[in-house]
Amino acid sequence: MTERRVIVMIGGLAAALALGLSALIFGQVQSADGMRRIGGPFAMTEMTGRPVTEADLRGRPTALFFGYTHCPAFCPVTLQMLTNVLARMGPQADRLNVVFVTVDPERDTPEAMRAYLGSFDPRIRGFVGTPAQLAAMAGAFKVGYRRVPLDGGDYTMDHTVAVILLDARGRFAGTVTSDDDEKAVQSRLETLVQAASRSAGGAAVAVGRPGSG
């Protein structure tokens, strides 16, 4: 796949972001066992201060995006796209997990995440972690990120720009990006929600059968 390189201005300085990481990383995992290879255990902290693990996402489909609050382009655009899609979905959106994971633990405290995400749909949750916790979670989800120094001692972050989709059991269900049509993203998310509802309904019927008759 072709790398996309975007030049962004940060405080009057130009930084080249190698955002083709998304295409490269996800292009490597579309194998027959890809659903097992993307995702896994993690331990982070929600922006409310509550510890969270992969178990907190089970039972609902998830849209998972890695980024950072100082991101000049893709993060706010992607979060706004998700905000628009959640509004379109109406009550169905309440049956989703939508999570923004920071790749910049040095600057993105829980307080900073709460302030930043306050500009977007309130159902979007922010996860923070130590550098080691972030590295473990990013590794489990095959997400790339790296710090890029800028003149004057500042820095920016390169990172994978795809939103990772998981089904209600935590299995990989594909990706979307801010380049995708919002109606198409909505359809993908609604399909995951509906599949989760059917699965939950089927499990309830199965539990009731042994005692019936």
N, C-alpha and C. Protein backbone atom coordinates (compact mmCIF):
# COMPACT_ATOMS: atom_id res chain seq x y z
N MET A 1 0.84 -1.19 0.00
CA MET A 1 0.00 0.00 0.00
C MET A 1 0.88 1.25 0.00
N THR A 2 0.38 2.33 -0.55
CA THR A 2 1.15 3.56 -0.65
C THR A 2 1.11 4.31 0.66
N GLU A 3 2.28 4.77 1.12
CA GLU A 3 2.32 5.58 2.34
C GLU A 3 1.74 6.94 2.07
N ARG A 4 1.01 7.46 3.06
CA ARG A 4 0.51 8.83 2.99
C ARG A 4 1.36 9.67 3.92
N ARG A 5 1.93 10.73 3.40
CA ARG A 5 2.71 11.63 4.25
C ARG A 5 2.05 12.99 4.24
N VAL A 6 1.78 13.49 5.42
CA VAL A 6 1.07 14.75 5.57
C VAL A 6 1.99 15.74 6.27
N ILE A 7 2.13 16.93 5.69
CA ILE A 7 2.93 17.97 6.32
C ILE A 7 1.99 18.89 7.09
N VAL A 8 2.23 19.01 8.38
CA VAL A 8 1.37 19.85 9.21
C VAL A 8 2.21 20.95 9.83
N MET A 9 1.57 22.06 10.14
CA MET A 9 2.26 23.18 10.77
C MET A 9 1.96 23.16 12.27
N ILE A 10 2.99 23.16 13.08
CA ILE A 10 2.83 23.18 14.53
C ILE A 10 3.64 24.36 15.04
N GLY A 11 2.94 25.41 15.50
CA GLY A 11 3.63 26.58 16.00
C GLY A 11 4.57 27.20 14.99
N GLY A 12 4.17 27.13 13.73
CA GLY A 12 4.98 27.70 12.67
C GLY A 12 6.09 26.80 12.18
N LEU A 13 6.20 25.57 12.76
CA LEU A 13 7.23 24.63 12.35
C LEU A 13 6.59 23.51 11.55
N ALA A 14 7.29 23.06 10.51
CA ALA A 14 6.76 21.96 9.68
C ALA A 14 7.27 20.63 10.22
N ALA A 15 6.33 19.66 10.35
CA ALA A 15 6.73 18.32 10.80
C ALA A 15 6.16 17.31 9.84
N ALA A 16 6.98 16.42 9.34
CA ALA A 16 6.53 15.39 8.41
C ALA A 16 6.06 14.18 9.21
N LEU A 17 4.78 13.84 9.10
CA LEU A 17 4.22 12.71 9.85
C LEU A 17 4.08 11.52 8.92
N ALA A 18 4.74 10.45 9.25
CA ALA A 18 4.68 9.25 8.41
C ALA A 18 3.43 8.47 8.76
N LEU A 19 2.29 8.96 8.36
CA LEU A 19 1.01 8.37 8.76
C LEU A 19 0.63 7.19 7.89
N GLY A 20 1.50 6.81 6.96
CA GLY A 20 1.30 5.56 6.23
C GLY A 20 1.46 4.35 7.12
N LEU A 21 1.88 4.54 8.39
CA LEU A 21 1.96 3.43 9.34
C LEU A 21 0.69 2.61 9.35
N SER A 22 -0.44 3.29 9.26
CA SER A 22 -1.73 2.59 9.32
C SER A 22 -1.83 1.55 8.23
N ALA A 23 -1.58 1.96 6.99
CA ALA A 23 -1.69 1.04 5.86
C ALA A 23 -0.67 -0.08 5.98
N LEU A 24 0.55 0.24 6.40
CA LEU A 24 1.59 -0.77 6.49
C LEU A 24 1.26 -1.81 7.54
N ILE A 25 0.88 -1.35 8.74
CA ILE A 25 0.65 -2.28 9.83
C ILE A 25 -0.57 -3.15 9.57
N PHE A 26 -1.68 -2.54 9.18
CA PHE A 26 -2.88 -3.34 9.00
C PHE A 26 -2.80 -4.20 7.75
N GLY A 27 -1.99 -3.80 6.78
CA GLY A 27 -1.81 -4.64 5.60
C GLY A 27 -1.10 -5.93 5.92
N GLN A 28 -0.36 -5.98 7.02
CA GLN A 28 0.41 -7.15 7.38
C GLN A 28 -0.40 -8.17 8.19
N VAL A 29 -1.56 -7.80 8.67
CA VAL A 29 -2.27 -8.69 9.59
C VAL A 29 -3.59 -9.21 9.02
N GLN A 30 -3.81 -9.02 7.74
CA GLN A 30 -5.06 -9.49 7.16
C GLN A 30 -4.92 -10.96 6.75
N SER A 31 -4.42 -11.78 7.63
CA SER A 31 -4.28 -13.20 7.38
C SER A 31 -5.47 -13.95 7.95
N ALA A 32 -5.49 -15.25 7.72
CA ALA A 32 -6.63 -16.05 8.18
C ALA A 32 -6.78 -16.00 9.69
N ASP A 33 -5.67 -15.81 10.41
CA ASP A 33 -5.77 -15.77 11.86
C ASP A 33 -5.72 -14.35 12.39
N GLY A 34 -6.02 -13.37 11.53
CA GLY A 34 -5.92 -11.97 11.92
C GLY A 34 -6.79 -11.62 13.10
N MET A 35 -7.98 -12.26 13.22
CA MET A 35 -8.87 -11.92 14.32
C MET A 35 -8.25 -12.29 15.66
N ARG A 36 -7.38 -13.30 15.68
CA ARG A 36 -6.74 -13.69 16.94
C ARG A 36 -5.52 -12.83 17.21
N ARG A 37 -4.94 -12.25 16.18
CA ARG A 37 -3.66 -11.56 16.33
C ARG A 37 -3.82 -10.09 16.70
N ILE A 38 -4.98 -9.50 16.52
CA ILE A 38 -5.18 -8.10 16.86
C ILE A 38 -6.04 -8.02 18.12
N GLY A 39 -5.49 -7.41 19.15
CA GLY A 39 -6.20 -7.31 20.42
C GLY A 39 -5.59 -8.24 21.45
N GLY A 40 -6.02 -8.05 22.68
CA GLY A 40 -5.51 -8.88 23.76
C GLY A 40 -5.58 -8.15 25.08
N PRO A 41 -4.99 -8.73 26.11
CA PRO A 41 -5.04 -8.12 27.44
C PRO A 41 -4.34 -6.76 27.49
N PHE A 42 -4.87 -5.86 28.29
CA PHE A 42 -4.21 -4.59 28.55
C PHE A 42 -4.65 -4.08 29.91
N ALA A 43 -3.88 -3.17 30.46
CA ALA A 43 -4.22 -2.51 31.73
C ALA A 43 -3.92 -1.04 31.57
N MET A 44 -4.95 -0.20 31.61
CA MET A 44 -4.81 1.24 31.45
C MET A 44 -5.62 1.94 32.54
N THR A 45 -5.71 3.25 32.44
CA THR A 45 -6.53 4.03 33.36
C THR A 45 -7.48 4.90 32.55
N GLU A 46 -8.77 4.83 32.89
CA GLU A 46 -9.73 5.71 32.21
C GLU A 46 -9.50 7.15 32.67
N MET A 47 -9.92 8.10 31.86
CA MET A 47 -9.67 9.50 32.18
C MET A 47 -10.38 9.94 33.46
N THR A 48 -11.29 9.12 33.96
CA THR A 48 -11.94 9.37 35.25
C THR A 48 -11.06 8.95 36.42
N GLY A 49 -9.97 8.22 36.12
CA GLY A 49 -9.10 7.71 37.17
C GLY A 49 -9.33 6.25 37.49
N ARG A 50 -10.32 5.63 36.86
CA ARG A 50 -10.65 4.23 37.14
C ARG A 50 -9.77 3.30 36.32
N PRO A 51 -9.18 2.27 36.94
CA PRO A 51 -8.41 1.29 36.17
C PRO A 51 -9.32 0.54 35.20
N VAL A 52 -8.82 0.23 34.01
CA VAL A 52 -9.60 -0.50 33.02
C VAL A 52 -8.73 -1.57 32.39
N THR A 53 -9.37 -2.65 31.97
CA THR A 53 -8.71 -3.73 31.24
C THR A 53 -9.58 -4.10 30.05
N GLU A 54 -9.12 -5.08 29.29
CA GLU A 54 -9.89 -5.53 28.14
C GLU A 54 -11.27 -6.03 28.54
N ALA A 55 -11.42 -6.50 29.78
CA ALA A 55 -12.72 -7.00 30.25
C ALA A 55 -13.77 -5.92 30.28
N ASP A 56 -13.35 -4.65 30.44
CA ASP A 56 -14.31 -3.54 30.49
C ASP A 56 -14.95 -3.27 29.14
N LEU A 57 -14.37 -3.78 28.06
CA LEU A 57 -14.93 -3.54 26.73
C LEU A 57 -15.80 -4.70 26.25
N ARG A 58 -15.72 -5.84 26.91
CA ARG A 58 -16.47 -7.01 26.47
C ARG A 58 -17.96 -6.80 26.68
N GLY A 59 -18.73 -7.37 25.78
CA GLY A 59 -20.19 -7.28 25.86
C GLY A 59 -20.77 -6.22 24.94
N ARG A 60 -19.92 -5.32 24.44
CA ARG A 60 -20.34 -4.32 23.47
C ARG A 60 -19.30 -4.23 22.36
N PRO A 61 -19.70 -3.93 21.14
CA PRO A 61 -18.71 -3.65 20.09
C PRO A 61 -17.91 -2.41 20.47
N THR A 62 -16.71 -2.30 19.92
CA THR A 62 -15.81 -1.21 20.28
C THR A 62 -15.21 -0.56 19.04
N ALA A 63 -15.12 0.77 19.07
CA ALA A 63 -14.33 1.53 18.09
C ALA A 63 -13.17 2.13 18.88
N LEU A 64 -11.94 1.74 18.53
CA LEU A 64 -10.75 2.06 19.31
C LEU A 64 -9.78 2.88 18.47
N PHE A 65 -9.41 4.06 18.96
CA PHE A 65 -8.54 4.95 18.19
C PHE A 65 -7.38 5.41 19.06
N PHE A 66 -6.16 5.30 18.54
CA PHE A 66 -4.96 5.75 19.24
C PHE A 66 -4.53 7.10 18.68
N GLY A 67 -4.29 8.07 19.57
CA GLY A 67 -3.88 9.39 19.13
C GLY A 67 -3.37 10.19 20.31
N TYR A 68 -3.45 11.53 20.22
CA TYR A 68 -2.97 12.36 21.33
C TYR A 68 -3.59 13.74 21.24
N THR A 69 -3.62 14.45 22.36
CA THR A 69 -4.39 15.70 22.42
C THR A 69 -3.72 16.85 21.68
N HIS A 70 -2.41 16.77 21.45
CA HIS A 70 -1.72 17.83 20.70
C HIS A 70 -1.70 17.55 19.20
N CYS A 71 -2.38 16.51 18.77
CA CYS A 71 -2.41 16.14 17.36
C CYS A 71 -3.06 17.26 16.54
N PRO A 72 -2.38 17.74 15.49
CA PRO A 72 -2.90 18.89 14.76
C PRO A 72 -3.92 18.57 13.68
N ALA A 73 -4.04 17.31 13.30
CA ALA A 73 -4.88 17.03 12.13
C ALA A 73 -5.75 15.80 12.30
N PHE A 74 -5.17 14.62 12.25
CA PHE A 74 -5.98 13.41 12.15
C PHE A 74 -6.82 13.13 13.39
N CYS A 75 -6.30 13.41 14.57
CA CYS A 75 -7.06 13.09 15.78
C CYS A 75 -8.35 13.90 15.89
N PRO A 76 -8.30 15.23 15.81
CA PRO A 76 -9.57 15.96 15.90
C PRO A 76 -10.52 15.65 14.77
N VAL A 77 -9.98 15.43 13.57
CA VAL A 77 -10.85 15.10 12.43
C VAL A 77 -11.53 13.75 12.66
N THR A 78 -10.75 12.77 13.13
CA THR A 78 -11.32 11.44 13.36
C THR A 78 -12.33 11.46 14.50
N LEU A 79 -12.01 12.15 15.57
CA LEU A 79 -12.94 12.23 16.70
C LEU A 79 -14.22 12.97 16.32
N GLN A 80 -14.11 13.97 15.46
CA GLN A 80 -15.31 14.66 15.00
C GLN A 80 -16.15 13.75 14.10
N MET A 81 -15.47 12.95 13.27
CA MET A 81 -16.20 11.98 12.45
C MET A 81 -16.96 11.01 13.34
N LEU A 82 -16.31 10.49 14.38
CA LEU A 82 -16.98 9.56 15.28
C LEU A 82 -18.13 10.25 16.02
N THR A 83 -17.94 11.50 16.41
CA THR A 83 -19.00 12.26 17.06
C THR A 83 -20.21 12.39 16.14
N ASN A 84 -19.96 12.69 14.88
CA ASN A 84 -21.07 12.82 13.92
C ASN A 84 -21.79 11.49 13.72
N VAL A 85 -21.01 10.40 13.64
CA VAL A 85 -21.62 9.09 13.43
C VAL A 85 -22.45 8.68 14.64
N LEU A 86 -21.94 8.92 15.84
CA LEU A 86 -22.71 8.58 17.04
C LEU A 86 -24.03 9.34 17.09
N ALA A 87 -24.00 10.60 16.67
CA ALA A 87 -25.24 11.39 16.63
C ALA A 87 -26.22 10.80 15.63
N ARG A 88 -25.72 10.37 14.49
CA ARG A 88 -26.57 9.76 13.46
C ARG A 88 -27.20 8.46 13.96
N MET A 89 -26.46 7.72 14.78
CA MET A 89 -26.93 6.41 15.22
C MET A 89 -28.04 6.50 16.26
N GLY A 90 -28.15 7.60 16.95
CA GLY A 90 -29.19 7.74 17.96
C GLY A 90 -28.97 6.79 19.11
N PRO A 91 -30.04 6.18 19.66
CA PRO A 91 -29.92 5.31 20.84
C PRO A 91 -29.00 4.11 20.62
N GLN A 92 -28.84 3.67 19.36
CA GLN A 92 -27.95 2.54 19.12
C GLN A 92 -26.52 2.82 19.57
N ALA A 93 -26.12 4.09 19.53
CA ALA A 93 -24.75 4.45 19.91
C ALA A 93 -24.47 4.16 21.37
N ASP A 94 -25.52 4.08 22.20
CA ASP A 94 -25.33 3.78 23.61
C ASP A 94 -24.86 2.35 23.83
N ARG A 95 -24.94 1.52 22.80
CA ARG A 95 -24.55 0.12 22.91
C ARG A 95 -23.17 -0.14 22.33
N LEU A 96 -22.39 0.94 22.19
CA LEU A 96 -21.02 0.87 21.69
C LEU A 96 -20.04 1.36 22.75
N ASN A 97 -18.82 0.83 22.69
CA ASN A 97 -17.68 1.47 23.34
C ASN A 97 -16.95 2.28 22.28
N VAL A 98 -16.68 3.53 22.55
CA VAL A 98 -15.83 4.35 21.68
C VAL A 98 -14.71 4.88 22.55
N VAL A 99 -13.48 4.51 22.21
CA VAL A 99 -12.34 4.76 23.10
C VAL A 99 -11.21 5.45 22.36
N PHE A 100 -10.67 6.50 22.99
CA PHE A 100 -9.51 7.24 22.49
C PHE A 100 -8.35 6.97 23.44
N VAL A 101 -7.30 6.33 22.93
CA VAL A 101 -6.14 5.96 23.74
C VAL A 101 -4.99 6.89 23.40
N THR A 102 -4.41 7.56 24.39
CA THR A 102 -3.32 8.47 24.09
C THR A 102 -2.00 7.72 23.86
N VAL A 103 -1.26 8.17 22.85
CA VAL A 103 0.09 7.66 22.61
C VAL A 103 1.14 8.64 23.14
N ASP A 104 0.68 9.62 23.93
CA ASP A 104 1.55 10.67 24.46
C ASP A 104 1.37 10.78 25.97
N PRO A 105 1.79 9.72 26.71
CA PRO A 105 1.54 9.74 28.16
C PRO A 105 2.28 10.84 28.91
N GLU A 106 3.32 11.40 28.30
CA GLU A 106 4.05 12.47 28.97
C GLU A 106 3.19 13.72 29.16
N ARG A 107 2.38 14.05 28.14
CA ARG A 107 1.57 15.27 28.22
C ARG A 107 0.10 15.00 28.51
N ASP A 108 -0.37 13.83 28.13
CA ASP A 108 -1.82 13.57 28.22
C ASP A 108 -2.19 12.93 29.55
N THR A 109 -2.38 13.76 30.54
CA THR A 109 -2.87 13.32 31.84
C THR A 109 -4.37 13.05 31.74
N PRO A 110 -4.95 12.39 32.74
CA PRO A 110 -6.41 12.24 32.72
C PRO A 110 -7.14 13.57 32.61
N GLU A 111 -6.62 14.60 33.29
CA GLU A 111 -7.26 15.92 33.23
C GLU A 111 -7.20 16.49 31.82
N ALA A 112 -6.05 16.34 31.17
CA ALA A 112 -5.90 16.83 29.80
C ALA A 112 -6.82 16.09 28.84
N MET A 113 -6.98 14.80 29.05
CA MET A 113 -7.86 14.00 28.20
C MET A 113 -9.31 14.43 28.39
N ARG A 114 -9.72 14.65 29.65
CA ARG A 114 -11.10 15.08 29.90
C ARG A 114 -11.38 16.42 29.23
N ALA A 115 -10.43 17.35 29.34
CA ALA A 115 -10.63 18.66 28.72
C ALA A 115 -10.70 18.55 27.20
N TYR A 116 -9.84 17.75 26.63
CA TYR A 116 -9.80 17.61 25.17
C TYR A 116 -11.06 16.93 24.64
N LEU A 117 -11.44 15.83 25.25
CA LEU A 117 -12.59 15.08 24.77
C LEU A 117 -13.90 15.79 25.08
N GLY A 118 -13.87 16.82 25.91
CA GLY A 118 -15.07 17.60 26.17
C GLY A 118 -15.62 18.29 24.94
N SER A 119 -14.82 18.39 23.90
CA SER A 119 -15.27 19.01 22.65
C SER A 119 -15.98 18.02 21.73
N PHE A 120 -16.04 16.75 22.14
CA PHE A 120 -16.61 15.72 21.27
C PHE A 120 -17.75 14.99 22.00
N ASP A 121 -18.29 13.98 21.39
CA ASP A 121 -19.42 13.25 21.98
C ASP A 121 -19.03 12.75 23.38
N PRO A 122 -19.89 12.96 24.36
CA PRO A 122 -19.56 12.56 25.74
C PRO A 122 -19.43 11.06 25.94
N ARG A 123 -19.86 10.27 24.97
CA ARG A 123 -19.72 8.81 25.10
C ARG A 123 -18.33 8.32 24.72
N ILE A 124 -17.48 9.21 24.20
CA ILE A 124 -16.12 8.81 23.86
C ILE A 124 -15.28 8.81 25.14
N ARG A 125 -14.69 7.66 25.44
CA ARG A 125 -13.91 7.48 26.65
C ARG A 125 -12.43 7.67 26.35
N GLY A 126 -11.68 8.21 27.29
CA GLY A 126 -10.25 8.40 27.13
C GLY A 126 -9.47 7.47 28.03
N PHE A 127 -8.47 6.77 27.46
CA PHE A 127 -7.61 5.88 28.23
C PHE A 127 -6.19 6.45 28.24
N VAL A 128 -5.57 6.41 29.40
CA VAL A 128 -4.17 6.81 29.56
C VAL A 128 -3.43 5.67 30.25
N GLY A 129 -2.11 5.70 30.16
CA GLY A 129 -1.32 4.66 30.81
C GLY A 129 0.12 5.09 30.94
N THR A 130 0.90 4.30 31.64
CA THR A 130 2.33 4.52 31.70
C THR A 130 2.93 4.17 30.34
N PRO A 131 4.17 4.60 30.06
CA PRO A 131 4.79 4.19 28.80
C PRO A 131 4.78 2.68 28.59
N ALA A 132 5.03 1.92 29.65
CA ALA A 132 5.04 0.47 29.53
C ALA A 132 3.64 -0.08 29.23
N GLN A 133 2.62 0.47 29.88
CA GLN A 133 1.25 0.02 29.63
C GLN A 133 0.82 0.35 28.20
N LEU A 134 1.18 1.55 27.75
CA LEU A 134 0.85 1.94 26.39
C LEU A 134 1.54 1.02 25.39
N ALA A 135 2.82 0.75 25.60
CA ALA A 135 3.56 -0.11 24.67
C ALA A 135 2.92 -1.49 24.58
N ALA A 136 2.47 -2.01 25.72
CA ALA A 136 1.85 -3.34 25.73
C ALA A 136 0.52 -3.33 24.98
N MET A 137 -0.30 -2.31 25.21
CA MET A 137 -1.60 -2.24 24.55
C MET A 137 -1.43 -2.00 23.05
N ALA A 138 -0.54 -1.07 22.68
CA ALA A 138 -0.31 -0.80 21.27
C ALA A 138 0.23 -2.03 20.56
N GLY A 139 1.09 -2.77 21.24
CA GLY A 139 1.61 -4.00 20.64
C GLY A 139 0.52 -5.03 20.42
N ALA A 140 -0.38 -5.15 21.39
CA ALA A 140 -1.47 -6.12 21.25
C ALA A 140 -2.38 -5.78 20.07
N PHE A 141 -2.57 -4.48 19.81
CA PHE A 141 -3.47 -4.06 18.73
C PHE A 141 -2.72 -3.70 17.45
N LYS A 142 -1.42 -4.00 17.39
CA LYS A 142 -0.61 -3.78 16.18
C LYS A 142 -0.63 -2.32 15.76
N VAL A 143 -0.55 -1.42 16.72
CA VAL A 143 -0.57 0.02 16.47
C VAL A 143 0.85 0.56 16.57
N GLY A 144 1.23 1.40 15.60
CA GLY A 144 2.55 2.02 15.62
C GLY A 144 2.48 3.46 16.11
N TYR A 145 3.50 3.87 16.84
CA TYR A 145 3.61 5.26 17.26
C TYR A 145 5.07 5.54 17.57
N ARG A 146 5.50 6.79 17.39
CA ARG A 146 6.86 7.17 17.76
C ARG A 146 6.93 8.67 17.96
N ARG A 147 7.83 9.07 18.83
CA ARG A 147 8.04 10.49 19.12
C ARG A 147 8.98 11.09 18.08
N VAL A 148 8.62 12.28 17.59
CA VAL A 148 9.42 12.97 16.58
C VAL A 148 9.83 14.33 17.13
N PRO A 149 11.12 14.54 17.42
CA PRO A 149 11.57 15.83 17.96
C PRO A 149 11.38 16.97 16.97
N LEU A 150 11.08 18.14 17.50
CA LEU A 150 10.96 19.36 16.69
C LEU A 150 11.99 20.37 17.18
N ASP A 151 12.23 21.37 16.37
CA ASP A 151 13.13 22.45 16.78
C ASP A 151 12.59 23.13 18.04
N GLY A 152 13.49 23.54 18.92
CA GLY A 152 13.07 24.24 20.12
C GLY A 152 12.75 23.34 21.29
N GLY A 153 12.96 22.03 21.13
CA GLY A 153 12.73 21.10 22.23
C GLY A 153 11.33 20.50 22.27
N ASP A 154 10.43 20.94 21.39
CA ASP A 154 9.08 20.37 21.36
C ASP A 154 9.12 19.05 20.59
N TYR A 155 8.00 18.39 20.52
CA TYR A 155 7.93 17.14 19.76
C TYR A 155 6.50 16.91 19.28
N THR A 156 6.37 16.06 18.29
CA THR A 156 5.08 15.58 17.84
C THR A 156 5.12 14.06 17.85
N MET A 157 4.00 13.44 17.50
CA MET A 157 3.93 11.98 17.52
C MET A 157 3.43 11.46 16.18
N ASP A 158 4.16 10.52 15.61
CA ASP A 158 3.63 9.73 14.50
C ASP A 158 2.78 8.61 15.10
N HIS A 159 1.68 8.28 14.45
CA HIS A 159 0.86 7.18 14.99
C HIS A 159 -0.07 6.63 13.92
N THR A 160 -0.48 5.40 14.12
CA THR A 160 -1.46 4.77 13.25
C THR A 160 -2.77 5.55 13.30
N VAL A 161 -3.36 5.80 12.14
CA VAL A 161 -4.54 6.66 12.10
C VAL A 161 -5.85 5.90 11.92
N ALA A 162 -5.80 4.58 11.81
CA ALA A 162 -7.03 3.82 11.64
C ALA A 162 -7.78 3.65 12.95
N VAL A 163 -9.10 3.63 12.88
CA VAL A 163 -9.96 3.27 14.02
C VAL A 163 -10.17 1.76 13.96
N ILE A 164 -9.81 1.07 15.02
CA ILE A 164 -9.93 -0.39 15.07
C ILE A 164 -11.32 -0.76 15.57
N LEU A 165 -11.97 -1.66 14.86
CA LEU A 165 -13.29 -2.13 15.25
C LEU A 165 -13.18 -3.52 15.85
N LEU A 166 -13.88 -3.73 16.97
CA LEU A 166 -13.93 -5.02 17.64
C LEU A 166 -15.39 -5.42 17.82
N ASP A 167 -15.66 -6.72 17.76
CA ASP A 167 -17.02 -7.15 18.04
C ASP A 167 -17.22 -7.24 19.55
N ALA A 168 -18.39 -7.66 19.96
CA ALA A 168 -18.73 -7.65 21.39
C ALA A 168 -17.89 -8.63 22.20
N ARG A 169 -17.23 -9.56 21.51
CA ARG A 169 -16.37 -10.52 22.19
C ARG A 169 -14.90 -10.10 22.16
N GLY A 170 -14.65 -8.90 21.65
CA GLY A 170 -13.29 -8.39 21.60
C GLY A 170 -12.49 -8.84 20.41
N ARG A 171 -13.15 -9.42 19.40
CA ARG A 171 -12.45 -9.91 18.22
C ARG A 171 -12.37 -8.82 17.16
N PHE A 172 -11.25 -8.81 16.44
CA PHE A 172 -11.02 -7.82 15.40
C PHE A 172 -12.10 -7.91 14.32
N ALA A 173 -12.69 -6.74 13.97
CA ALA A 173 -13.77 -6.71 12.99
C ALA A 173 -13.50 -5.72 11.86
N GLY A 174 -12.24 -5.26 11.72
CA GLY A 174 -11.91 -4.36 10.63
C GLY A 174 -11.47 -2.99 11.12
N THR A 175 -11.32 -2.07 10.19
CA THR A 175 -10.91 -0.70 10.51
C THR A 175 -11.71 0.29 9.68
N VAL A 176 -11.77 1.52 10.16
CA VAL A 176 -12.30 2.65 9.39
C VAL A 176 -11.35 3.82 9.63
N THR A 177 -11.45 4.84 8.79
CA THR A 177 -10.64 6.05 8.97
C THR A 177 -11.51 7.27 8.73
N SER A 178 -10.94 8.43 9.00
CA SER A 178 -11.68 9.68 8.78
C SER A 178 -11.91 9.95 7.30
N ASP A 179 -11.23 9.23 6.43
CA ASP A 179 -11.45 9.38 4.99
C ASP A 179 -12.71 8.67 4.52
N ASP A 180 -13.23 7.76 5.33
CA ASP A 180 -14.40 6.99 4.94
C ASP A 180 -15.67 7.83 5.03
N ASP A 181 -16.62 7.52 4.19
CA ASP A 181 -17.91 8.19 4.23
C ASP A 181 -18.59 7.92 5.57
N GLU A 182 -19.13 8.95 6.19
CA GLU A 182 -19.73 8.78 7.51
C GLU A 182 -20.89 7.81 7.51
N LYS A 183 -21.67 7.79 6.45
CA LYS A 183 -22.78 6.84 6.39
C LYS A 183 -22.26 5.41 6.32
N ALA A 184 -21.13 5.20 5.65
CA ALA A 184 -20.55 3.87 5.58
C ALA A 184 -20.02 3.45 6.96
N VAL A 185 -19.40 4.37 7.68
CA VAL A 185 -18.92 4.07 9.03
C VAL A 185 -20.11 3.76 9.94
N GLN A 186 -21.16 4.54 9.83
CA GLN A 186 -22.37 4.29 10.61
C GLN A 186 -22.90 2.89 10.34
N SER A 187 -22.94 2.50 9.08
CA SER A 187 -23.44 1.18 8.72
C SER A 187 -22.59 0.08 9.34
N ARG A 188 -21.26 0.26 9.33
CA ARG A 188 -20.37 -0.73 9.92
C ARG A 188 -20.64 -0.88 11.42
N LEU A 189 -20.79 0.24 12.11
CA LEU A 189 -21.01 0.20 13.55
C LEU A 189 -22.39 -0.37 13.88
N GLU A 190 -23.38 0.01 13.12
CA GLU A 190 -24.73 -0.52 13.36
C GLU A 190 -24.77 -2.03 13.13
N THR A 191 -24.03 -2.52 12.15
CA THR A 191 -23.98 -3.95 11.91
C THR A 191 -23.38 -4.68 13.10
N LEU A 192 -22.33 -4.12 13.69
CA LEU A 192 -21.72 -4.73 14.88
C LEU A 192 -22.68 -4.72 16.06
N VAL A 193 -23.41 -3.62 16.25
CA VAL A 193 -24.38 -3.53 17.34
C VAL A 193 -25.49 -4.55 17.15
N GLN A 194 -26.00 -4.66 15.94
CA GLN A 194 -27.08 -5.61 15.67
C GLN A 194 -26.62 -7.04 15.86
N ALA A 195 -25.39 -7.35 15.44
CA ALA A 195 -24.86 -8.70 15.63
C ALA A 195 -24.72 -9.02 17.11
N ALA A 196 -24.29 -8.04 17.90
CA ALA A 196 -24.18 -8.25 19.34
C ALA A 196 -25.54 -8.49 19.96
N SER A 197 -26.55 -7.77 19.49
CA SER A 197 -27.90 -7.95 20.03
C SER A 197 -28.44 -9.33 19.69
N ARG A 198 -28.21 -9.77 18.46
CA ARG A 198 -28.67 -11.11 18.07
C ARG A 198 -27.97 -12.18 18.89
N SER A 199 -26.67 -12.00 19.11
CA SER A 199 -25.92 -12.98 19.89
C SER A 199 -26.41 -13.03 21.33
N ALA A 200 -26.69 -11.87 21.91
CA ALA A 200 -27.19 -11.82 23.28
C ALA A 200 -28.56 -12.46 23.38
N GLY A 201 -29.40 -12.22 22.38
CA GLY A 201 -30.73 -12.81 22.37
C GLY A 201 -30.68 -14.31 22.24
N GLY A 202 -29.77 -14.80 21.37
CA GLY A 202 -29.62 -16.23 21.20
C GLY A 202 -29.13 -16.91 22.46
N ALA A 203 -28.22 -16.22 23.18
CA ALA A 203 -27.70 -16.80 24.42
C ALA A 203 -28.80 -16.90 25.46
N ALA A 204 -29.69 -15.89 25.49
CA ALA A 204 -30.77 -15.91 26.47
C ALA A 204 -31.72 -17.06 26.19
N VAL A 205 -32.01 -17.31 24.89
CA VAL A 205 -32.90 -18.42 24.55
C VAL A 205 -32.26 -19.74 24.91
N ALA A 206 -30.94 -19.87 24.63
CA ALA A 206 -30.25 -21.11 24.91
C ALA A 206 -30.27 -21.42 26.41
N VAL A 207 -30.12 -20.41 27.23
CA VAL A 207 -30.12 -20.62 28.68
C VAL A 207 -31.49 -21.09 29.15
N GLY A 208 -32.54 -20.60 28.50
CA GLY A 208 -33.89 -20.97 28.93
C GLY A 208 -34.34 -22.35 28.52
N ARG A 209 -33.68 -22.96 27.51
CA ARG A 209 -34.18 -24.20 26.97
C ARG A 209 -34.11 -25.38 27.93
N PRO A 210 -33.01 -25.55 28.70
CA PRO A 210 -32.96 -26.73 29.57
C PRO A 210 -34.12 -26.83 30.56
N GLY A 211 -34.66 -25.70 30.99
CA GLY A 211 -35.73 -25.74 31.97
C GLY A 211 -37.12 -25.66 31.35
N SER A 212 -37.20 -25.64 30.03
CA SER A 212 -38.51 -25.47 29.39
C SER A 212 -39.20 -26.79 29.21
N GLY A 213 -40.51 -26.75 28.92
CA GLY A 213 -41.28 -27.96 28.59
C GLY A 213 -41.83 -28.61 29.81
